[in-house]
Amino acid sequence: MANKGFVGIFEDQALAAAKEIFPNDELKAFDYAKNVKTMMAVSAATDYFTRRGYAFTVPQTDQQGFDWDAIVCRPGGEPKKVQVKSAGYCKNYEKGTDSWEVNLKSGHFSKDSKHMDGGTCRKVPHDFDLIFILDGDGKQTVMTQDEALKKPDGTYRVHSIKIKRSHNISQAKIDFS
């Protein structure tokens, strides 16, 4: 399962919970674990921004037409659109090396969507202000859109970004204190 994005906290918590719920059906457990992993990231983002004085609002349902998952705002401040992601894949997780891979594509589109190419989603979100990432080490990373998407040469990333592993240190790029 490690190659399918369930290492660290996502294996210990999301996959373990799903296997308890579906003990005799590995496929159902794996599919449900993906939902739990997403819920863990949204819960962590809610906590992260709320502790910093932001109101955290999510749409009533998962709105796949949007590139953002939540709106955060402080009283008198400008609202910010937040993309929330989980990162559960790290090539050499057991060795404590490499980086977390964050898939930027949104993969819940139907097969006939204009964003699909065969079974692969090709839509990379661009309409957000901040990206919040919860990785398998339980660390949180917050970056602006440009920090997340722009390459040093000025072009935009195609499908994913890498977050360096840093044990017990938040990777937040922006001071929200």
N, C-alpha and C. Protein backbone atom coordinates (compact mmCIF):
# COMPACT_ATOMS: atom_id res chain seq x y z
N MET A 1 0.81 -1.21 0.00
CA MET A 1 0.00 0.00 0.00
C MET A 1 0.84 1.27 0.00
N ALA A 2 2.11 1.20 0.42
CA ALA A 2 2.94 2.40 0.51
C ALA A 2 3.02 3.13 -0.82
N ASN A 3 3.04 2.43 -1.91
CA ASN A 3 3.11 3.07 -3.20
C ASN A 3 1.79 3.68 -3.63
N LYS A 4 0.75 3.48 -2.84
CA LYS A 4 -0.55 4.04 -3.18
C LYS A 4 -0.92 5.22 -2.30
N GLY A 5 0.05 5.79 -1.63
CA GLY A 5 -0.19 7.02 -0.88
C GLY A 5 -0.62 6.85 0.56
N PHE A 6 -0.37 5.68 1.14
CA PHE A 6 -0.78 5.45 2.52
C PHE A 6 0.41 5.04 3.37
N VAL A 7 1.27 6.01 3.69
CA VAL A 7 2.36 5.77 4.61
C VAL A 7 2.24 6.76 5.76
N GLY A 8 2.95 6.48 6.83
CA GLY A 8 2.92 7.38 7.98
C GLY A 8 1.54 7.45 8.61
N ILE A 9 1.11 8.64 8.94
CA ILE A 9 -0.19 8.81 9.60
C ILE A 9 -1.34 8.30 8.75
N PHE A 10 -1.18 8.31 7.45
CA PHE A 10 -2.28 7.86 6.59
C PHE A 10 -2.42 6.34 6.60
N GLU A 11 -1.31 5.63 6.81
CA GLU A 11 -1.39 4.17 6.96
C GLU A 11 -1.90 3.84 8.36
N ASP A 12 -1.31 4.50 9.36
CA ASP A 12 -1.65 4.22 10.75
C ASP A 12 -3.08 4.60 11.11
N GLN A 13 -3.61 5.62 10.45
CA GLN A 13 -4.94 6.11 10.83
C GLN A 13 -5.99 5.87 9.74
N ALA A 14 -5.82 6.44 8.57
CA ALA A 14 -6.85 6.33 7.53
C ALA A 14 -7.04 4.89 7.05
N LEU A 15 -5.96 4.24 6.68
CA LEU A 15 -6.05 2.87 6.16
C LEU A 15 -6.46 1.90 7.27
N ALA A 16 -5.93 2.09 8.46
CA ALA A 16 -6.29 1.22 9.58
C ALA A 16 -7.79 1.34 9.90
N ALA A 17 -8.31 2.56 9.92
CA ALA A 17 -9.75 2.75 10.19
C ALA A 17 -10.60 2.11 9.10
N ALA A 18 -10.19 2.29 7.86
CA ALA A 18 -10.96 1.73 6.75
C ALA A 18 -10.96 0.20 6.79
N LYS A 19 -9.84 -0.40 7.18
CA LYS A 19 -9.77 -1.86 7.27
C LYS A 19 -10.65 -2.39 8.41
N GLU A 20 -10.83 -1.58 9.46
CA GLU A 20 -11.75 -1.97 10.53
C GLU A 20 -13.19 -1.96 10.04
N ILE A 21 -13.51 -0.96 9.21
CA ILE A 21 -14.88 -0.82 8.71
C ILE A 21 -15.18 -1.87 7.65
N PHE A 22 -14.20 -2.17 6.79
CA PHE A 22 -14.37 -3.14 5.72
C PHE A 22 -13.32 -4.24 5.85
N PRO A 23 -13.41 -5.08 6.89
CA PRO A 23 -12.36 -6.07 7.14
C PRO A 23 -12.23 -7.15 6.07
N ASN A 24 -13.28 -7.39 5.33
CA ASN A 24 -13.28 -8.49 4.36
C ASN A 24 -13.27 -8.01 2.91
N ASP A 25 -13.05 -6.73 2.72
CA ASP A 25 -13.07 -6.20 1.35
C ASP A 25 -11.96 -5.15 1.20
N GLU A 26 -10.79 -5.57 0.74
CA GLU A 26 -9.64 -4.68 0.63
C GLU A 26 -9.89 -3.52 -0.32
N LEU A 27 -10.62 -3.76 -1.41
CA LEU A 27 -10.90 -2.69 -2.37
C LEU A 27 -11.79 -1.61 -1.75
N LYS A 28 -12.84 -2.00 -1.05
CA LYS A 28 -13.70 -1.02 -0.38
C LYS A 28 -12.92 -0.28 0.70
N ALA A 29 -12.08 -1.00 1.42
CA ALA A 29 -11.28 -0.37 2.47
C ALA A 29 -10.35 0.67 1.87
N PHE A 30 -9.69 0.33 0.77
CA PHE A 30 -8.77 1.26 0.12
C PHE A 30 -9.52 2.49 -0.38
N ASP A 31 -10.68 2.30 -1.03
CA ASP A 31 -11.46 3.44 -1.52
C ASP A 31 -11.92 4.33 -0.37
N TYR A 32 -12.37 3.71 0.72
CA TYR A 32 -12.81 4.50 1.86
C TYR A 32 -11.63 5.22 2.52
N ALA A 33 -10.47 4.57 2.56
CA ALA A 33 -9.29 5.19 3.16
C ALA A 33 -8.91 6.48 2.42
N LYS A 34 -9.14 6.53 1.11
CA LYS A 34 -8.87 7.76 0.35
C LYS A 34 -9.74 8.90 0.87
N ASN A 35 -11.01 8.60 1.18
CA ASN A 35 -11.90 9.62 1.74
C ASN A 35 -11.45 10.06 3.13
N VAL A 36 -11.03 9.10 3.95
CA VAL A 36 -10.56 9.43 5.30
C VAL A 36 -9.31 10.30 5.22
N LYS A 37 -8.42 9.97 4.31
CA LYS A 37 -7.19 10.76 4.13
C LYS A 37 -7.53 12.21 3.78
N THR A 38 -8.48 12.40 2.89
CA THR A 38 -8.93 13.75 2.52
C THR A 38 -9.55 14.45 3.73
N MET A 39 -10.38 13.74 4.48
CA MET A 39 -11.01 14.34 5.66
C MET A 39 -9.97 14.73 6.70
N MET A 40 -8.92 13.93 6.83
CA MET A 40 -7.84 14.27 7.77
C MET A 40 -7.18 15.58 7.37
N ALA A 41 -6.93 15.77 6.08
CA ALA A 41 -6.30 17.00 5.60
C ALA A 41 -7.21 18.20 5.82
N VAL A 42 -8.50 18.06 5.53
CA VAL A 42 -9.44 19.17 5.73
C VAL A 42 -9.55 19.50 7.21
N SER A 43 -9.59 18.48 8.06
CA SER A 43 -9.65 18.72 9.52
C SER A 43 -8.40 19.45 10.00
N ALA A 44 -7.24 19.03 9.51
CA ALA A 44 -5.99 19.70 9.90
C ALA A 44 -5.97 21.14 9.42
N ALA A 45 -6.46 21.39 8.21
CA ALA A 45 -6.51 22.76 7.68
C ALA A 45 -7.47 23.61 8.50
N THR A 46 -8.61 23.04 8.85
CA THR A 46 -9.59 23.76 9.68
C THR A 46 -8.94 24.18 10.99
N ASP A 47 -8.27 23.25 11.63
CA ASP A 47 -7.60 23.53 12.90
C ASP A 47 -6.50 24.58 12.71
N TYR A 48 -5.67 24.40 11.69
CA TYR A 48 -4.55 25.31 11.43
C TYR A 48 -5.02 26.76 11.31
N PHE A 49 -5.99 26.99 10.45
CA PHE A 49 -6.44 28.37 10.21
C PHE A 49 -7.28 28.91 11.37
N THR A 50 -8.12 28.07 11.98
CA THR A 50 -8.95 28.51 13.10
C THR A 50 -8.09 28.97 14.27
N ARG A 51 -7.01 28.25 14.56
CA ARG A 51 -6.11 28.63 15.66
C ARG A 51 -5.41 29.96 15.40
N ARG A 52 -5.43 30.41 14.16
CA ARG A 52 -4.80 31.68 13.80
C ARG A 52 -5.83 32.79 13.59
N GLY A 53 -7.06 32.54 14.04
CA GLY A 53 -8.09 33.58 14.02
C GLY A 53 -8.88 33.70 12.73
N TYR A 54 -8.76 32.74 11.86
CA TYR A 54 -9.50 32.77 10.59
C TYR A 54 -10.82 32.02 10.72
N ALA A 55 -11.84 32.53 10.07
CA ALA A 55 -13.05 31.74 9.87
C ALA A 55 -12.74 30.81 8.70
N PHE A 56 -13.09 29.55 8.83
CA PHE A 56 -12.79 28.53 7.82
C PHE A 56 -14.12 28.02 7.30
N THR A 57 -14.37 28.24 6.03
CA THR A 57 -15.65 27.87 5.43
C THR A 57 -15.43 26.95 4.24
N VAL A 58 -16.19 25.86 4.21
CA VAL A 58 -16.13 24.95 3.07
C VAL A 58 -17.49 24.95 2.36
N PRO A 59 -17.51 24.67 1.06
CA PRO A 59 -18.79 24.57 0.35
C PRO A 59 -19.63 23.44 0.94
N GLN A 60 -20.93 23.47 0.71
CA GLN A 60 -21.81 22.43 1.25
C GLN A 60 -21.44 21.04 0.73
N THR A 61 -21.01 20.96 -0.50
CA THR A 61 -20.56 19.69 -1.05
C THR A 61 -19.22 19.92 -1.72
N ASP A 62 -18.52 18.84 -2.06
CA ASP A 62 -17.24 18.97 -2.74
C ASP A 62 -17.51 19.50 -4.14
N GLN A 63 -17.18 20.74 -4.35
CA GLN A 63 -17.48 21.41 -5.62
C GLN A 63 -16.34 21.22 -6.59
N GLN A 64 -16.41 20.21 -7.43
CA GLN A 64 -15.32 19.90 -8.33
C GLN A 64 -15.10 20.96 -9.41
N GLY A 65 -16.01 21.89 -9.55
CA GLY A 65 -15.81 22.95 -10.52
C GLY A 65 -14.89 24.05 -10.03
N PHE A 66 -14.57 24.02 -8.74
CA PHE A 66 -13.71 25.04 -8.16
C PHE A 66 -12.31 24.49 -7.98
N ASP A 67 -11.33 25.38 -7.98
CA ASP A 67 -9.94 24.99 -7.72
C ASP A 67 -9.59 25.16 -6.25
N TRP A 68 -10.53 25.51 -5.44
CA TRP A 68 -10.28 25.70 -4.02
C TRP A 68 -11.25 24.83 -3.22
N ASP A 69 -10.86 24.54 -1.98
CA ASP A 69 -11.66 23.68 -1.12
C ASP A 69 -12.28 24.42 0.05
N ALA A 70 -11.76 25.61 0.37
CA ALA A 70 -12.25 26.38 1.50
C ALA A 70 -11.94 27.85 1.29
N ILE A 71 -12.64 28.67 2.04
CA ILE A 71 -12.38 30.11 2.08
C ILE A 71 -12.00 30.43 3.53
N VAL A 72 -10.91 31.19 3.70
CA VAL A 72 -10.52 31.64 5.04
C VAL A 72 -10.51 33.16 5.04
N CYS A 73 -10.87 33.71 6.20
CA CYS A 73 -10.89 35.17 6.30
C CYS A 73 -10.88 35.56 7.78
N ARG A 74 -10.15 36.63 8.08
CA ARG A 74 -10.19 37.23 9.40
C ARG A 74 -11.13 38.42 9.33
N PRO A 75 -11.70 38.84 10.47
CA PRO A 75 -12.57 40.01 10.45
C PRO A 75 -11.85 41.21 9.84
N GLY A 76 -12.48 41.85 8.87
CA GLY A 76 -11.91 43.02 8.21
C GLY A 76 -10.86 42.69 7.16
N GLY A 77 -10.55 41.40 6.99
CA GLY A 77 -9.52 41.00 6.03
C GLY A 77 -10.12 40.56 4.71
N GLU A 78 -9.25 40.32 3.77
CA GLU A 78 -9.67 39.83 2.47
C GLU A 78 -9.81 38.30 2.51
N PRO A 79 -10.89 37.76 1.96
CA PRO A 79 -11.03 36.30 1.90
C PRO A 79 -9.92 35.69 1.03
N LYS A 80 -9.48 34.50 1.40
CA LYS A 80 -8.48 33.77 0.64
C LYS A 80 -9.02 32.38 0.30
N LYS A 81 -8.84 31.98 -0.97
CA LYS A 81 -9.25 30.66 -1.41
C LYS A 81 -8.12 29.67 -1.11
N VAL A 82 -8.48 28.55 -0.45
CA VAL A 82 -7.49 27.57 -0.02
C VAL A 82 -7.72 26.22 -0.71
N GLN A 83 -6.68 25.71 -1.32
CA GLN A 83 -6.66 24.35 -1.87
C GLN A 83 -6.08 23.47 -0.76
N VAL A 84 -6.76 22.36 -0.41
CA VAL A 84 -6.31 21.48 0.66
C VAL A 84 -5.87 20.15 0.03
N LYS A 85 -4.67 19.72 0.37
CA LYS A 85 -4.13 18.47 -0.18
C LYS A 85 -3.51 17.63 0.92
N SER A 86 -3.49 16.33 0.68
CA SER A 86 -2.76 15.41 1.54
C SER A 86 -1.62 14.82 0.72
N ALA A 87 -0.52 14.53 1.39
CA ALA A 87 0.64 13.94 0.72
C ALA A 87 1.01 12.66 1.45
N GLY A 88 0.65 11.54 0.87
CA GLY A 88 0.90 10.26 1.52
C GLY A 88 1.87 9.38 0.77
N TYR A 89 2.58 9.94 -0.19
CA TYR A 89 3.55 9.15 -0.94
C TYR A 89 4.94 9.76 -0.79
N CYS A 90 5.88 8.94 -0.37
CA CYS A 90 7.28 9.33 -0.25
C CYS A 90 8.09 8.10 -0.66
N LYS A 91 8.84 8.21 -1.73
CA LYS A 91 9.51 7.05 -2.32
C LYS A 91 10.29 6.21 -1.32
N ASN A 92 11.10 6.84 -0.50
CA ASN A 92 11.90 6.12 0.49
C ASN A 92 11.48 6.48 1.91
N TYR A 93 10.20 6.37 2.18
CA TYR A 93 9.65 6.74 3.47
C TYR A 93 10.35 6.03 4.62
N GLU A 94 10.54 4.72 4.49
CA GLU A 94 11.12 3.94 5.58
C GLU A 94 12.54 4.42 5.93
N LYS A 95 13.27 4.93 4.95
CA LYS A 95 14.63 5.40 5.19
C LYS A 95 14.65 6.83 5.74
N GLY A 96 13.49 7.49 5.75
CA GLY A 96 13.43 8.87 6.24
C GLY A 96 13.99 9.88 5.27
N THR A 97 14.07 9.49 4.00
CA THR A 97 14.64 10.38 2.99
C THR A 97 13.60 10.74 1.94
N ASP A 98 14.06 11.47 0.95
CA ASP A 98 13.23 11.92 -0.17
C ASP A 98 12.20 12.94 0.30
N SER A 99 11.30 13.28 -0.59
CA SER A 99 10.30 14.30 -0.32
C SER A 99 8.90 13.72 -0.49
N TRP A 100 7.95 14.40 0.09
CA TRP A 100 6.55 14.03 -0.11
C TRP A 100 6.12 14.52 -1.48
N GLU A 101 5.39 13.70 -2.19
CA GLU A 101 4.86 14.10 -3.49
C GLU A 101 3.41 14.53 -3.31
N VAL A 102 3.11 15.75 -3.76
CA VAL A 102 1.77 16.30 -3.65
C VAL A 102 1.17 16.37 -5.04
N ASN A 103 0.15 15.56 -5.25
CA ASN A 103 -0.52 15.54 -6.54
C ASN A 103 -1.43 16.77 -6.62
N LEU A 104 -1.19 17.62 -7.60
CA LEU A 104 -1.99 18.84 -7.74
C LEU A 104 -3.29 18.60 -8.50
N LYS A 105 -3.33 17.55 -9.28
CA LYS A 105 -4.51 17.29 -10.08
C LYS A 105 -5.67 16.90 -9.19
N SER A 106 -6.83 17.26 -9.63
CA SER A 106 -8.03 16.89 -8.93
C SER A 106 -8.62 15.70 -9.68
N GLY A 107 -8.78 14.57 -9.03
CA GLY A 107 -9.09 13.35 -9.76
C GLY A 107 -10.50 12.83 -9.68
N HIS A 108 -11.48 13.63 -9.33
CA HIS A 108 -12.83 13.11 -9.16
C HIS A 108 -13.74 13.44 -10.34
N PHE A 109 -13.18 13.61 -11.50
CA PHE A 109 -14.00 13.93 -12.65
C PHE A 109 -14.48 12.65 -13.32
N SER A 110 -15.63 12.73 -13.96
CA SER A 110 -16.14 11.57 -14.68
C SER A 110 -15.32 11.34 -15.94
N LYS A 111 -15.42 10.15 -16.49
CA LYS A 111 -14.62 9.77 -17.66
C LYS A 111 -14.88 10.67 -18.87
N ASP A 112 -16.08 11.25 -18.96
CA ASP A 112 -16.40 12.09 -20.13
C ASP A 112 -16.11 13.57 -19.90
N SER A 113 -15.45 13.90 -18.78
CA SER A 113 -15.11 15.29 -18.50
C SER A 113 -14.04 15.78 -19.46
N LYS A 114 -14.08 17.05 -19.79
CA LYS A 114 -13.06 17.65 -20.65
C LYS A 114 -11.68 17.63 -19.99
N HIS A 115 -11.65 17.41 -18.67
CA HIS A 115 -10.38 17.39 -17.93
C HIS A 115 -9.73 16.01 -17.90
N MET A 116 -10.43 15.00 -18.43
CA MET A 116 -9.91 13.64 -18.39
C MET A 116 -9.23 13.27 -19.70
N ASP A 117 -8.13 12.55 -19.57
CA ASP A 117 -7.43 11.98 -20.72
C ASP A 117 -7.30 10.50 -20.42
N GLY A 118 -8.23 9.71 -20.97
CA GLY A 118 -8.29 8.30 -20.58
C GLY A 118 -8.72 8.22 -19.14
N GLY A 119 -7.96 7.55 -18.31
CA GLY A 119 -8.29 7.43 -16.90
C GLY A 119 -7.54 8.41 -16.03
N THR A 120 -6.88 9.41 -16.63
CA THR A 120 -6.05 10.34 -15.87
C THR A 120 -6.60 11.76 -15.96
N CYS A 121 -6.73 12.39 -14.81
CA CYS A 121 -7.18 13.78 -14.78
C CYS A 121 -6.01 14.69 -15.16
N ARG A 122 -6.26 15.65 -16.03
CA ARG A 122 -5.22 16.58 -16.48
C ARG A 122 -5.44 18.00 -15.95
N LYS A 123 -6.40 18.18 -15.05
CA LYS A 123 -6.70 19.52 -14.56
C LYS A 123 -5.82 19.86 -13.36
N VAL A 124 -5.00 20.86 -13.51
CA VAL A 124 -4.19 21.37 -12.39
C VAL A 124 -4.85 22.64 -11.91
N PRO A 125 -5.14 22.74 -10.60
CA PRO A 125 -5.80 23.94 -10.09
C PRO A 125 -4.90 25.18 -10.17
N HIS A 126 -5.51 26.29 -10.52
CA HIS A 126 -4.78 27.56 -10.54
C HIS A 126 -5.54 28.68 -9.82
N ASP A 127 -6.82 28.49 -9.58
CA ASP A 127 -7.64 29.54 -8.98
C ASP A 127 -7.72 29.34 -7.47
N PHE A 128 -6.61 29.57 -6.79
CA PHE A 128 -6.57 29.54 -5.34
C PHE A 128 -5.48 30.51 -4.89
N ASP A 129 -5.58 30.94 -3.64
CA ASP A 129 -4.58 31.85 -3.08
C ASP A 129 -3.51 31.11 -2.28
N LEU A 130 -3.95 30.10 -1.52
CA LEU A 130 -3.05 29.35 -0.65
C LEU A 130 -3.28 27.85 -0.86
N ILE A 131 -2.23 27.08 -0.64
CA ILE A 131 -2.38 25.63 -0.63
C ILE A 131 -1.93 25.14 0.74
N PHE A 132 -2.76 24.29 1.35
CA PHE A 132 -2.46 23.69 2.65
C PHE A 132 -2.21 22.21 2.39
N ILE A 133 -1.09 21.69 2.90
CA ILE A 133 -0.73 20.29 2.67
C ILE A 133 -0.47 19.62 4.02
N LEU A 134 -1.12 18.48 4.22
CA LEU A 134 -0.84 17.62 5.38
C LEU A 134 -0.07 16.42 4.84
N ASP A 135 1.15 16.18 5.36
CA ASP A 135 1.93 15.06 4.84
C ASP A 135 1.87 13.86 5.79
N GLY A 136 2.41 12.74 5.34
CA GLY A 136 2.37 11.51 6.10
C GLY A 136 3.13 11.54 7.40
N ASP A 137 4.00 12.53 7.59
CA ASP A 137 4.68 12.72 8.87
C ASP A 137 3.81 13.53 9.84
N GLY A 138 2.66 14.02 9.34
CA GLY A 138 1.78 14.84 10.16
C GLY A 138 2.13 16.31 10.14
N LYS A 139 3.06 16.69 9.29
CA LYS A 139 3.49 18.09 9.19
C LYS A 139 2.57 18.84 8.23
N GLN A 140 2.49 20.13 8.48
CA GLN A 140 1.63 21.00 7.68
C GLN A 140 2.47 21.99 6.90
N THR A 141 2.11 22.19 5.64
CA THR A 141 2.79 23.14 4.79
C THR A 141 1.76 24.07 4.21
N VAL A 142 2.04 25.35 4.24
CA VAL A 142 1.16 26.35 3.62
C VAL A 142 2.02 27.20 2.69
N MET A 143 1.58 27.33 1.46
CA MET A 143 2.30 28.14 0.47
C MET A 143 1.30 28.97 -0.33
N THR A 144 1.80 30.04 -0.91
CA THR A 144 0.98 30.79 -1.85
C THR A 144 0.91 30.01 -3.16
N GLN A 145 0.01 30.42 -4.03
CA GLN A 145 -0.10 29.78 -5.33
C GLN A 145 1.22 29.82 -6.10
N ASP A 146 1.85 30.98 -6.14
CA ASP A 146 3.11 31.10 -6.87
C ASP A 146 4.21 30.22 -6.28
N GLU A 147 4.29 30.16 -4.94
CA GLU A 147 5.29 29.31 -4.31
C GLU A 147 5.07 27.84 -4.68
N ALA A 148 3.82 27.45 -4.79
CA ALA A 148 3.50 26.06 -5.08
C ALA A 148 3.61 25.72 -6.55
N LEU A 149 3.18 26.61 -7.43
CA LEU A 149 3.04 26.26 -8.84
C LEU A 149 4.15 26.74 -9.76
N LYS A 150 4.75 27.90 -9.46
CA LYS A 150 5.76 28.44 -10.38
C LYS A 150 7.11 27.78 -10.20
N LYS A 151 7.70 27.36 -11.30
CA LYS A 151 9.05 26.82 -11.29
C LYS A 151 10.03 28.00 -11.31
N PRO A 152 11.27 27.77 -10.95
CA PRO A 152 12.26 28.85 -10.98
C PRO A 152 12.39 29.53 -12.35
N ASP A 153 12.10 28.80 -13.43
CA ASP A 153 12.20 29.40 -14.77
C ASP A 153 10.95 30.18 -15.17
N GLY A 154 9.96 30.28 -14.26
CA GLY A 154 8.75 31.05 -14.54
C GLY A 154 7.62 30.26 -15.14
N THR A 155 7.86 29.03 -15.56
CA THR A 155 6.79 28.19 -16.08
C THR A 155 6.04 27.56 -14.91
N TYR A 156 4.89 26.97 -15.21
CA TYR A 156 4.06 26.37 -14.16
C TYR A 156 4.21 24.86 -14.11
N ARG A 157 4.11 24.32 -12.92
CA ARG A 157 4.20 22.87 -12.74
C ARG A 157 3.03 22.18 -13.43
N VAL A 158 3.29 20.96 -13.87
CA VAL A 158 2.30 20.24 -14.65
C VAL A 158 1.37 19.41 -13.77
N HIS A 159 1.91 18.66 -12.84
CA HIS A 159 1.02 17.76 -12.10
C HIS A 159 1.32 17.59 -10.62
N SER A 160 2.52 17.91 -10.15
CA SER A 160 2.78 17.69 -8.74
C SER A 160 3.91 18.59 -8.24
N ILE A 161 3.98 18.68 -6.92
CA ILE A 161 5.08 19.39 -6.28
C ILE A 161 5.67 18.45 -5.23
N LYS A 162 6.87 18.76 -4.79
CA LYS A 162 7.52 17.96 -3.75
C LYS A 162 7.70 18.83 -2.51
N ILE A 163 7.44 18.23 -1.37
CA ILE A 163 7.62 18.89 -0.08
C ILE A 163 8.71 18.12 0.66
N LYS A 164 9.80 18.80 1.01
CA LYS A 164 10.90 18.13 1.70
C LYS A 164 10.44 17.63 3.06
N ARG A 165 10.96 16.49 3.42
CA ARG A 165 10.66 15.95 4.74
C ARG A 165 11.44 16.75 5.77
N SER A 166 10.78 17.11 6.84
CA SER A 166 11.43 17.81 7.94
C SER A 166 10.75 17.35 9.21
N HIS A 167 11.39 16.52 9.93
CA HIS A 167 10.80 15.92 11.11
C HIS A 167 10.57 16.97 12.20
N ASN A 168 9.32 17.04 12.63
CA ASN A 168 8.89 17.92 13.72
C ASN A 168 9.02 19.41 13.42
N ILE A 169 9.09 19.79 12.16
CA ILE A 169 9.16 21.20 11.80
C ILE A 169 8.09 21.49 10.76
N SER A 170 7.23 22.47 11.03
CA SER A 170 6.23 22.87 10.04
C SER A 170 6.94 23.45 8.83
N GLN A 171 6.37 23.19 7.66
CA GLN A 171 6.93 23.71 6.42
C GLN A 171 6.21 24.98 5.96
N ALA A 172 5.41 25.57 6.84
CA ALA A 172 4.64 26.75 6.46
C ALA A 172 5.56 27.85 5.96
N LYS A 173 5.26 28.39 4.79
CA LYS A 173 6.07 29.44 4.17
C LYS A 173 5.58 30.82 4.57
N ILE A 174 4.37 30.87 5.07
CA ILE A 174 3.73 32.16 5.34
C ILE A 174 3.48 32.28 6.84
N ASP A 175 3.81 33.40 7.43
CA ASP A 175 3.57 33.60 8.86
C ASP A 175 2.13 34.03 9.06
N PHE A 176 1.33 33.14 9.63
CA PHE A 176 -0.07 33.45 9.89
C PHE A 176 -0.33 33.72 11.36
N SER A 177 0.71 33.96 12.13
CA SER A 177 0.52 34.15 13.57
C SER A 177 -0.14 35.48 13.86
